[in-house]
Every structure is written in structure tokens, then in C-alpha cells.
Protein backbone atom coordinates (compact mmCIF):
# COMPACT_ATOMS: atom_id res chain seq x y z
CA MET A 1 0.05 -0.23 0.19
CA GLN A 2 0.91 3.12 -0.78
CA THR A 3 0.34 6.78 0.89
CA SER A 4 0.35 9.17 -2.41
CA GLY A 5 -1.93 8.69 -4.90
CA PRO A 6 -2.30 10.07 -8.15
CA ASN A 7 -5.59 11.74 -7.12
CA SER A 8 -4.57 13.26 -4.05
CA PRO A 9 -1.22 13.10 -2.46
CA GLY A 10 -0.90 11.94 1.31
CA THR A 11 -3.86 9.66 1.61
CA PRO A 12 -3.69 5.53 0.80
CA TYR A 13 -4.67 4.03 -2.47
CA TYR A 14 -4.27 0.56 -3.65
CA ASN A 15 -1.73 -0.06 -6.02
CA PRO A 16 -2.38 -3.61 -7.66
CA GLN A 17 0.33 -5.89 -8.29
CA PRO A 18 0.06 -9.04 -10.47
CA GLY A 19 -1.92 -11.70 -8.74
CA GLY A 20 -1.68 -9.58 -5.36
CA GLN A 21 -5.06 -8.91 -3.04
CA PRO A 22 -6.18 -6.20 -1.85
CA PRO A 23 -6.11 -4.97 1.52
CA TRP A 24 -9.96 -4.87 2.16
CA PRO A 25 -12.01 -8.19 2.31
CA GLN A 26 -13.59 -9.10 -0.85
CA GLN A 27 -17.28 -9.49 -0.94
CA GLN A 28 -18.83 -12.48 -2.70
CA GLN A 29 -20.66 -11.78 -5.94
CA GLN A 30 -24.06 -12.60 -5.31
CA PRO A 31 -26.64 -13.45 -8.57
CA PRO A 32 -28.06 -9.86 -9.40
CA PRO A 33 -32.25 -9.74 -8.33
CA PRO A 34 -34.97 -9.92 -10.50
CA GLN A 35 -35.51 -6.62 -12.58
CA MET A 36 -38.63 -4.88 -12.12
CA ALA A 37 -39.37 -2.16 -14.87
CA ALA A 38 -39.24 1.31 -13.18
CA PRO A 39 -42.15 3.31 -14.60
CA GLY A 40 -42.20 4.17 -18.06
CA GLN A 41 -39.61 1.93 -19.00
CA PRO A 42 -40.01 -1.62 -20.40
CA LEU A 43 -37.95 -4.80 -19.16
CA VAL A 44 -35.82 -6.31 -21.66
CA PHE A 45 -34.72 -9.58 -22.57
CA ARG A 46 -32.47 -10.59 -25.37
CA MET A 47 -31.65 -13.82 -26.85
CA HIS A 48 -29.25 -16.19 -25.35
CA SER A 49 -26.33 -16.50 -26.98
CA GLY A 50 -27.01 -20.48 -28.01
CA ALA A 51 -30.17 -19.13 -30.01
CA ARG A 52 -28.33 -16.13 -31.58
CA THR A 53 -25.65 -19.11 -32.97
CA ALA A 54 -27.88 -20.93 -34.27
CA LEU A 55 -30.12 -18.71 -36.26
CA ASN A 56 -26.10 -17.39 -37.18
CA VAL A 57 -25.81 -20.69 -38.45
CA VAL A 58 -28.94 -21.02 -40.29
CA GLY A 59 -28.25 -17.48 -41.83
CA GLY A 60 -24.76 -18.93 -43.12
CA LEU A 61 -26.64 -22.14 -44.63
CA LEU A 62 -29.28 -20.33 -46.69
CA VAL A 63 -26.47 -17.67 -47.66
CA LEU A 64 -24.74 -21.21 -49.31
CA LEU A 65 -27.99 -21.44 -51.52
CA VAL A 66 -27.36 -18.10 -53.63
CA VAL A 67 -31.31 -17.86 -54.43
CA THR A 68 -31.80 -17.35 -50.52
CA ILE A 69 -29.27 -14.80 -49.87
CA PRO A 70 -32.20 -12.21 -49.03
CA PHE A 71 -33.83 -14.80 -46.29
CA ALA A 72 -30.16 -14.61 -44.70
CA VAL A 73 -29.52 -11.12 -44.62
CA LEU A 74 -33.35 -10.98 -42.84
CA VAL A 75 -32.40 -13.62 -40.59
CA PHE A 76 -29.36 -12.18 -39.34
CA VAL A 77 -30.73 -8.78 -39.19
CA ARG A 78 -33.69 -10.06 -37.15
CA THR A 79 -31.46 -12.04 -34.74
CA ALA A 80 -29.24 -9.14 -34.17
CA GLY A 81 -32.38 -7.23 -32.74
CA ALA A 82 -34.24 -10.44 -31.19
CA ARG A 83 -35.80 -9.67 -27.77
CA ILE A 84 -38.67 -9.30 -25.45
CA GLU A 85 -40.02 -6.21 -23.78
CA ILE A 86 -42.41 -6.18 -21.18
CA THR A 87 -44.53 -2.92 -20.32
CA ALA A 88 -46.90 -2.43 -17.98
CA ASP A 89 -49.62 -2.79 -20.61
CA GLU A 90 -48.15 -5.16 -22.85
CA LEU A 91 -45.65 -7.88 -24.10
CA ILE A 92 -43.31 -7.19 -27.12
CA PHE A 93 -41.81 -9.93 -28.81
CA ARG A 94 -39.43 -9.30 -31.75
CA ASN A 95 -37.72 -12.04 -33.25
CA LEU A 96 -38.30 -13.35 -36.95
CA MET A 97 -41.69 -12.28 -36.60
CA SER A 98 -43.42 -9.54 -34.06
CA LYS A 99 -46.14 -9.96 -31.69
CA ARG A 100 -47.89 -7.57 -29.39
CA TRP A 101 -49.90 -8.78 -26.52
CA LYS A 102 -51.92 -6.41 -24.69
CA LEU A 103 -51.55 -7.65 -20.73
CA ALA A 104 -55.08 -6.42 -19.95
CA SER A 105 -56.83 -8.29 -22.59
CA LEU A 106 -55.18 -11.75 -21.50
CA ARG A 107 -57.57 -13.94 -19.63
CA ARG A 108 -55.75 -17.22 -19.53
CA ILE A 109 -51.71 -17.81 -19.73
CA GLY A 110 -49.94 -20.80 -19.67
CA VAL A 111 -46.87 -22.71 -19.93
CA LEU A 112 -45.90 -25.64 -22.72
CA ALA A 113 -42.91 -27.59 -22.80
CA VAL A 114 -42.25 -29.58 -26.11
CA PRO A 115 -39.50 -32.04 -26.47
CA VAL A 116 -36.72 -31.61 -28.96
CA LEU A 117 -37.04 -34.91 -30.68
CA ALA A 118 -34.71 -34.16 -33.64
CA ARG A 119 -31.18 -35.58 -34.09
CA GLY A 120 -28.12 -34.78 -36.24
CA ILE A 121 -27.38 -31.49 -36.74
CA GLY A 122 -30.82 -30.12 -36.88
CA GLY A 123 -31.46 -31.52 -33.48
CA ALA A 124 -28.34 -30.00 -32.01
CA LEU A 125 -29.34 -26.23 -33.92
CA ALA A 126 -32.69 -26.75 -31.98
CA ARG A 127 -31.52 -27.63 -28.73
CA LYS A 128 -28.98 -24.71 -28.71
CA LYS A 129 -31.80 -22.44 -30.06
CA VAL A 130 -34.55 -23.26 -26.82
CA GLY A 131 -31.67 -23.91 -24.18
CA GLY A 132 -32.02 -27.86 -23.83
CA ASP A 133 -33.99 -30.61 -24.54
CA LYS A 134 -37.31 -28.99 -24.29
CA ALA A 135 -38.54 -25.45 -25.80
CA ILE A 136 -40.49 -23.81 -23.57
CA HIS A 137 -43.85 -21.74 -24.88
CA LEU A 138 -45.87 -18.98 -23.20
CA CYS A 139 -49.16 -19.28 -23.95
CA SER A 140 -52.11 -17.02 -23.82
CA ILE A 141 -56.05 -16.58 -24.61
CA ASP A 142 -57.24 -13.06 -24.79
CA ASP A 143 -61.02 -11.93 -24.43
CA ARG A 144 -62.02 -12.36 -27.83
CA GLY A 145 -60.82 -16.31 -27.38
CA ARG A 146 -57.93 -16.03 -29.75
CA LYS A 147 -55.10 -17.95 -28.85
CA SER A 148 -51.42 -17.24 -29.05
CA SER A 149 -47.99 -18.50 -28.30
CA VAL A 150 -44.20 -16.96 -27.99
CA LEU A 151 -41.22 -19.13 -27.68
CA ILE A 152 -39.64 -17.93 -24.77
CA SER A 153 -36.86 -20.48 -24.05
CA MET A 154 -34.25 -18.97 -26.52
CA PHE A 155 -34.40 -15.57 -24.31
CA GLU A 156 -32.29 -15.25 -21.33
CA ARG A 157 -34.09 -15.62 -18.04
CA TYR A 158 -37.26 -16.62 -19.32
CA PRO A 159 -38.62 -17.82 -15.87
CA GLU A 160 -38.48 -13.98 -14.85
CA ILE A 161 -40.40 -13.35 -18.21
CA ILE A 162 -43.50 -15.76 -17.22
CA GLN A 163 -43.08 -14.20 -13.84
CA GLN A 164 -43.07 -10.70 -14.79
CA VAL A 165 -46.73 -11.47 -17.38
CA ALA A 166 -48.19 -13.18 -14.18
CA ASN A 167 -47.25 -10.77 -12.01
CA LEU A 168 -48.69 -8.21 -14.51
CA THR A 169 -52.10 -9.84 -15.46
CA ARG A 170 -52.57 -11.51 -12.31
CA LEU A 171 -53.76 -14.71 -13.32
CA GLN A 172 -52.07 -18.00 -12.73
CA VAL A 173 -49.84 -19.77 -15.00
CA GLU A 174 -51.59 -23.09 -16.31
CA GLU A 175 -49.73 -25.99 -17.12
CA VAL A 176 -50.70 -26.55 -21.17
CA THR A 177 -49.95 -29.62 -23.11
CA SER A 178 -49.52 -30.14 -26.78
CA GLY A 179 -52.64 -30.91 -29.11
CA ALA A 180 -53.05 -32.12 -32.36
CA PHE A 181 -53.77 -28.43 -33.74
CA GLY A 182 -51.68 -26.16 -31.38
CA PRO A 183 -51.52 -26.11 -27.51
CA LYS A 184 -54.28 -27.88 -25.77
CA TRP A 185 -55.71 -26.07 -22.39
CA PRO A 186 -56.80 -27.88 -19.21
CA GLY A 187 -60.91 -28.13 -18.70
């Protein structure tokens, strides 16, 4: 420890040495607490790195087929800006396609887990995209009876997305199963 530093002479400051430890006790790093959206500011969830990598590989494969280069550009651009934004009154899903849910109009919300059964390179890309062996979808039914779902397991901290939507809508999250024509709701 030296007693004269670059900012004010005569005050102690820490001069790090290679491999040296500071003289004060180190605090353990704790995971950050769940974020709460500030009033007027959306809560933003970005796509995790595995999903970005899988979609960039798909874009690269589309470039190989020269005719599909415009689609490859679309995949690259939309993947770069992919995110979910949660505000006080809506959920905005931006990926290859965009969806916007008005949270006040939702009557039911549920979670659907779809197993990834594919093998080979396609299965590896699918598992990398969804972050595991199951793709997690957030499903909803609005006040007009329209059903909708969003693949959320390719975004960072997706359980927090489910919890935020449940808190904002004050609805109980139901477990939804796969049906012949989409999610099958209980009851």
C-alpha cells in the first residue's frame, strides 16, 4: 500500500500488483436480483447466445444457396435485434416475426414444454436454439378467444418473463399440453 496516489497526495490508495490481493476483504458476488421495470421503462430480455449462434448458422446455410441470400439477410438482421420487452400494459416479442400482446386483454396464460426429438445437426441446432431438450412456450387466450403462443426459452432469464407476465396480468400460470392443432388447455 502506498500513501501518495495520483488523485490526492498523502491519501492511501491500492496499487495492484500482479496476483496481489487488495487489503480489504473481498465480497462474494451474488446474482443480481430480479429486475423490475421502472415506470415508463420496458423490461428487456435479449436472446441468449446459443439461440443467436443457431440462427446465425441457419443464416449462413441460407447464404450457401445463392437464391436465398435475401432471406439470410433477414435472418441476420432480425436475430441481431431479437428481444422481448415487457411494459406495464403489453408484451412485445421481436424475433423473425413480431407479436404484441395487450396484457389487460389476456384471460388465460399457460406454459407449454415441447420436447426436442430431432437428431443430427438439425437437432443440435434446435437444442442450442431453445437452450436444452425442451422448448418452452408462453401461451395465452385473450378476451376474444384468440389463442397465441411465443417461444420464450430462447431468451435469457425466461422464467422471469413468465413471472413478470403472471404478476402484471394477475393470472395463474396453467400447464398446457401439446394438442393436434396447437396448445391444448386444461378444462
